[in-house]
């Protein structure tokens, strides 16, 4: 299953200096794996925007928006999928003591 999505936010704060920006530099598509639905894999095709940082003293000239609760920097899996995988990794094997 493929879901096409984009953010409806008007802008984002810079990840380095937190100055708000609404000036778009460019857009690109990210593919994010999400939790399966009905046993079928889910891919979110997410269109994200790169913004200019308005703070001249900031080390980041541009930054990419993150969709809260869905995406994180450099991740190819959704936040909910990462949480599920972490829980699976913490489950002890049957018959083995921790």
N, C-alpha and C. Protein backbone atom coordinates (compact mmCIF):
# COMPACT_ATOMS: atom_id res chain seq x y z
N UNK A 1 0.84 -1.15 0.00
CA UNK A 1 0.00 0.00 0.00
C UNK A 1 0.90 1.23 0.00
N UNK A 2 0.54 2.19 -0.80
CA UNK A 2 1.30 3.44 -0.88
C UNK A 2 0.39 4.60 -0.52
N UNK A 3 0.88 5.46 0.39
CA UNK A 3 0.14 6.65 0.82
C UNK A 3 0.95 7.87 0.39
N UNK A 4 0.31 8.80 -0.31
CA UNK A 4 0.96 10.04 -0.73
C UNK A 4 0.55 11.13 0.25
N UNK A 5 1.55 11.87 0.80
CA UNK A 5 1.26 12.87 1.82
C UNK A 5 2.19 14.06 1.69
N UNK A 6 1.74 15.18 2.27
CA UNK A 6 2.56 16.38 2.39
C UNK A 6 2.08 17.15 3.61
N UNK A 7 2.92 17.99 4.13
CA UNK A 7 2.60 18.76 5.33
C UNK A 7 1.68 19.92 4.97
N UNK A 8 0.78 20.26 5.89
CA UNK A 8 -0.09 21.41 5.67
C UNK A 8 0.36 22.62 6.49
N UNK A 9 1.47 22.50 7.19
CA UNK A 9 2.00 23.61 7.99
C UNK A 9 2.46 24.75 7.10
N UNK A 10 2.33 25.98 7.58
CA UNK A 10 2.75 27.13 6.79
C UNK A 10 4.26 27.34 6.82
N UNK A 11 4.91 26.86 7.86
CA UNK A 11 6.35 27.02 8.00
C UNK A 11 6.88 26.09 9.06
N UNK A 12 8.17 26.24 9.38
CA UNK A 12 8.83 25.39 10.37
C UNK A 12 9.91 26.21 11.07
N UNK A 13 10.25 25.84 12.32
CA UNK A 13 11.39 26.48 12.97
C UNK A 13 12.69 25.80 12.51
N UNK A 14 13.74 26.57 12.40
CA UNK A 14 15.05 26.03 12.04
C UNK A 14 15.48 25.03 13.11
N UNK A 15 16.05 23.91 12.70
CA UNK A 15 16.46 22.88 13.66
C UNK A 15 17.67 23.30 14.47
N UNK A 16 18.42 24.31 14.01
CA UNK A 16 19.63 24.76 14.72
C UNK A 16 19.33 25.95 15.64
N UNK A 17 18.73 27.00 15.10
CA UNK A 17 18.53 28.23 15.88
C UNK A 17 17.08 28.48 16.29
N UNK A 18 16.16 27.67 15.81
CA UNK A 18 14.71 27.74 16.10
C UNK A 18 14.01 28.99 15.58
N UNK A 19 14.62 29.74 14.68
CA UNK A 19 13.96 30.89 14.07
C UNK A 19 12.94 30.37 13.05
N UNK A 20 11.72 30.90 13.11
CA UNK A 20 10.62 30.47 12.24
C UNK A 20 10.86 30.91 10.80
N UNK A 21 10.54 30.04 9.85
CA UNK A 21 10.68 30.39 8.44
C UNK A 21 9.49 29.86 7.65
N UNK A 22 9.04 30.65 6.69
CA UNK A 22 7.99 30.24 5.76
C UNK A 22 8.49 30.31 4.31
N UNK A 23 9.75 30.72 4.15
CA UNK A 23 10.31 30.88 2.80
C UNK A 23 10.87 29.55 2.31
N UNK A 24 10.23 29.00 1.27
CA UNK A 24 10.58 27.68 0.75
C UNK A 24 11.75 27.79 -0.22
N UNK A 25 12.74 26.95 -0.02
CA UNK A 25 13.89 26.84 -0.92
C UNK A 25 13.58 25.86 -2.04
N UNK A 26 13.07 24.67 -1.67
CA UNK A 26 12.76 23.64 -2.67
C UNK A 26 11.90 22.56 -2.01
N UNK A 27 11.52 21.59 -2.81
CA UNK A 27 10.74 20.44 -2.34
C UNK A 27 11.37 19.17 -2.86
N UNK A 28 11.19 18.08 -2.13
CA UNK A 28 11.60 16.78 -2.64
C UNK A 28 10.77 15.69 -1.98
N UNK A 29 10.87 14.48 -2.50
CA UNK A 29 10.07 13.36 -2.03
C UNK A 29 10.92 12.41 -1.19
N UNK A 30 10.37 12.02 -0.05
CA UNK A 30 10.99 11.00 0.82
C UNK A 30 10.06 9.80 0.85
N UNK A 31 10.63 8.62 0.93
CA UNK A 31 9.84 7.41 1.09
C UNK A 31 10.10 6.88 2.49
N UNK A 32 9.01 6.75 3.26
CA UNK A 32 9.10 6.34 4.66
C UNK A 32 8.28 5.06 4.83
N UNK A 33 8.89 4.01 5.37
CA UNK A 33 8.16 2.77 5.66
C UNK A 33 7.36 2.96 6.93
N UNK A 34 6.12 2.45 6.92
CA UNK A 34 5.26 2.55 8.09
C UNK A 34 4.78 1.17 8.50
N UNK A 35 4.04 1.09 9.60
CA UNK A 35 3.55 -0.19 10.10
C UNK A 35 2.63 -0.84 9.08
N UNK A 36 2.70 -2.16 8.95
CA UNK A 36 1.84 -2.87 8.01
C UNK A 36 0.36 -2.73 8.38
N UNK A 37 -0.48 -2.75 7.37
CA UNK A 37 -1.93 -2.73 7.56
C UNK A 37 -2.49 -3.99 6.93
N UNK A 38 -3.14 -4.81 7.73
CA UNK A 38 -3.69 -6.06 7.21
C UNK A 38 -2.62 -6.98 6.65
N UNK A 39 -1.42 -6.91 7.23
CA UNK A 39 -0.32 -7.75 6.77
C UNK A 39 0.38 -7.23 5.53
N UNK A 40 -0.08 -6.11 4.98
CA UNK A 40 0.53 -5.53 3.78
C UNK A 40 1.48 -4.40 4.17
N UNK A 41 2.67 -4.36 3.58
CA UNK A 41 3.61 -3.27 3.89
C UNK A 41 3.04 -1.92 3.43
N UNK A 42 3.38 -0.89 4.17
CA UNK A 42 2.91 0.47 3.87
C UNK A 42 4.11 1.36 3.62
N UNK A 43 4.08 2.09 2.52
CA UNK A 43 5.10 3.09 2.21
C UNK A 43 4.42 4.44 2.11
N UNK A 44 4.97 5.42 2.83
CA UNK A 44 4.46 6.78 2.75
C UNK A 44 5.38 7.57 1.84
N UNK A 45 4.84 8.09 0.77
CA UNK A 45 5.58 8.94 -0.15
C UNK A 45 5.31 10.37 0.31
N UNK A 46 6.29 10.94 1.01
CA UNK A 46 6.12 12.21 1.70
C UNK A 46 6.86 13.33 0.97
N UNK A 47 6.11 14.32 0.53
CA UNK A 47 6.72 15.50 -0.09
C UNK A 47 7.06 16.48 1.01
N UNK A 48 8.35 16.79 1.16
CA UNK A 48 8.80 17.71 2.20
C UNK A 48 9.41 18.95 1.56
N UNK A 49 9.45 20.01 2.34
CA UNK A 49 10.01 21.28 1.86
C UNK A 49 11.32 21.60 2.58
N UNK A 50 12.22 22.20 1.84
CA UNK A 50 13.46 22.74 2.42
C UNK A 50 13.23 24.25 2.53
N UNK A 51 13.49 24.78 3.73
CA UNK A 51 13.28 26.19 4.01
C UNK A 51 14.61 26.92 4.15
N UNK A 52 14.59 28.22 3.86
CA UNK A 52 15.74 29.09 4.16
C UNK A 52 15.67 29.47 5.64
N UNK A 53 16.82 29.53 6.30
CA UNK A 53 16.88 30.06 7.66
C UNK A 53 17.15 31.55 7.55
N UNK A 54 16.33 32.36 8.24
CA UNK A 54 16.45 33.82 8.15
C UNK A 54 17.50 34.40 9.09
N UNK A 55 18.06 33.57 9.95
CA UNK A 55 19.07 34.03 10.90
C UNK A 55 20.45 34.00 10.23
N UNK A 56 21.02 35.15 9.98
CA UNK A 56 22.31 35.24 9.29
C UNK A 56 23.44 34.60 10.08
N UNK A 57 23.30 34.53 11.41
CA UNK A 57 24.35 33.96 12.25
C UNK A 57 24.21 32.44 12.40
N UNK A 58 23.16 31.87 11.86
CA UNK A 58 22.91 30.44 12.01
C UNK A 58 23.82 29.64 11.08
N UNK A 59 24.28 28.49 11.57
CA UNK A 59 25.16 27.62 10.77
C UNK A 59 24.40 26.92 9.65
N UNK A 60 23.09 26.79 9.79
CA UNK A 60 22.28 26.13 8.76
C UNK A 60 21.66 27.18 7.85
N UNK A 61 22.07 27.20 6.60
CA UNK A 61 21.49 28.14 5.65
C UNK A 61 20.09 27.69 5.24
N UNK A 62 19.90 26.37 5.15
CA UNK A 62 18.60 25.80 4.84
C UNK A 62 18.36 24.61 5.77
N UNK A 63 17.10 24.22 5.88
CA UNK A 63 16.75 23.06 6.70
C UNK A 63 15.48 22.44 6.13
N UNK A 64 15.28 21.16 6.42
CA UNK A 64 14.14 20.42 5.90
C UNK A 64 13.10 20.25 6.99
N UNK A 65 11.83 20.40 6.62
CA UNK A 65 10.76 20.21 7.59
C UNK A 65 10.64 18.75 7.99
N UNK A 66 10.24 18.53 9.23
CA UNK A 66 9.93 17.19 9.73
C UNK A 66 8.46 17.18 10.12
N UNK A 67 7.78 16.11 9.79
CA UNK A 67 6.37 15.99 10.14
C UNK A 67 6.28 15.34 11.51
N UNK A 68 5.81 16.10 12.49
CA UNK A 68 5.74 15.64 13.88
C UNK A 68 4.98 14.33 14.00
N UNK A 69 5.59 13.36 14.67
CA UNK A 69 4.96 12.06 14.87
C UNK A 69 5.10 11.11 13.71
N UNK A 70 5.74 11.55 12.63
CA UNK A 70 5.88 10.69 11.46
C UNK A 70 7.33 10.53 11.02
N UNK A 71 8.02 11.65 10.85
CA UNK A 71 9.38 11.56 10.29
C UNK A 71 10.41 12.19 11.22
N UNK A 72 11.64 11.71 11.05
CA UNK A 72 12.81 12.28 11.73
C UNK A 72 13.93 12.39 10.72
N UNK A 73 14.92 13.19 11.05
CA UNK A 73 16.04 13.39 10.13
C UNK A 73 16.73 12.07 9.79
N UNK A 74 16.99 11.87 8.51
CA UNK A 74 17.75 10.74 7.98
C UNK A 74 17.11 9.38 8.25
N UNK A 75 15.86 9.32 8.65
CA UNK A 75 15.21 8.05 8.93
C UNK A 75 14.36 7.62 7.75
N UNK A 76 14.36 6.32 7.48
CA UNK A 76 13.55 5.76 6.40
C UNK A 76 12.36 4.99 6.94
N UNK A 77 12.21 5.00 8.28
CA UNK A 77 11.07 4.35 8.92
C UNK A 77 10.32 5.41 9.72
N UNK A 78 8.98 5.24 9.80
CA UNK A 78 8.16 6.19 10.55
C UNK A 78 8.42 6.06 12.04
N UNK A 79 8.07 7.09 12.80
CA UNK A 79 8.23 7.08 14.25
C UNK A 79 7.44 5.93 14.87
N UNK A 80 6.16 5.69 14.48
CA UNK A 80 5.44 4.55 15.06
C UNK A 80 6.10 3.20 14.73
N UNK A 81 6.62 3.03 13.53
CA UNK A 81 7.28 1.78 13.17
C UNK A 81 8.55 1.59 13.99
N UNK A 82 9.31 2.65 14.21
CA UNK A 82 10.52 2.55 15.05
C UNK A 82 10.17 2.13 16.47
N UNK A 83 9.05 2.65 17.00
CA UNK A 83 8.63 2.28 18.36
C UNK A 83 8.23 0.80 18.41
N UNK A 84 7.54 0.33 17.40
CA UNK A 84 7.15 -1.08 17.34
C UNK A 84 8.38 -1.97 17.25
N UNK A 85 9.33 -1.61 16.42
CA UNK A 85 10.55 -2.41 16.28
C UNK A 85 11.35 -2.43 17.58
N UNK A 86 11.35 -1.32 18.30
CA UNK A 86 12.05 -1.27 19.59
C UNK A 86 11.38 -2.20 20.59
N UNK A 87 10.06 -2.24 20.59
CA UNK A 87 9.33 -3.13 21.50
C UNK A 87 9.61 -4.59 21.16
N UNK A 88 9.64 -4.93 19.88
CA UNK A 88 9.93 -6.30 19.46
C UNK A 88 11.34 -6.68 19.90
N UNK A 89 12.26 -5.76 19.80
CA UNK A 89 13.64 -6.03 20.20
C UNK A 89 13.81 -6.21 21.70
N UNK A 90 12.88 -5.68 22.50
CA UNK A 90 12.98 -5.78 23.96
C UNK A 90 12.27 -7.00 24.53
N UNK A 91 11.52 -7.71 23.70
CA UNK A 91 10.79 -8.89 24.17
C UNK A 91 11.80 -10.03 24.38
N UNK A 92 11.83 -10.63 25.61
CA UNK A 92 12.78 -11.73 25.84
C UNK A 92 12.34 -12.98 25.08
N UNK A 93 13.33 -13.76 24.66
CA UNK A 93 13.04 -15.02 23.98
C UNK A 93 12.44 -16.00 24.98
N UNK A 94 11.54 -16.83 24.50
CA UNK A 94 10.90 -17.81 25.38
C UNK A 94 11.95 -18.82 25.84
N UNK A 95 11.88 -19.16 27.13
CA UNK A 95 12.80 -20.15 27.69
C UNK A 95 14.16 -19.57 28.07
N UNK A 96 14.39 -18.32 27.81
CA UNK A 96 15.67 -17.70 28.15
C UNK A 96 15.44 -16.62 29.21
N UNK A 97 16.19 -16.66 30.27
CA UNK A 97 16.10 -15.62 31.30
C UNK A 97 17.00 -14.45 30.92
N UNK A 98 16.59 -13.28 31.35
CA UNK A 98 17.40 -12.09 31.05
C UNK A 98 18.58 -11.98 31.96
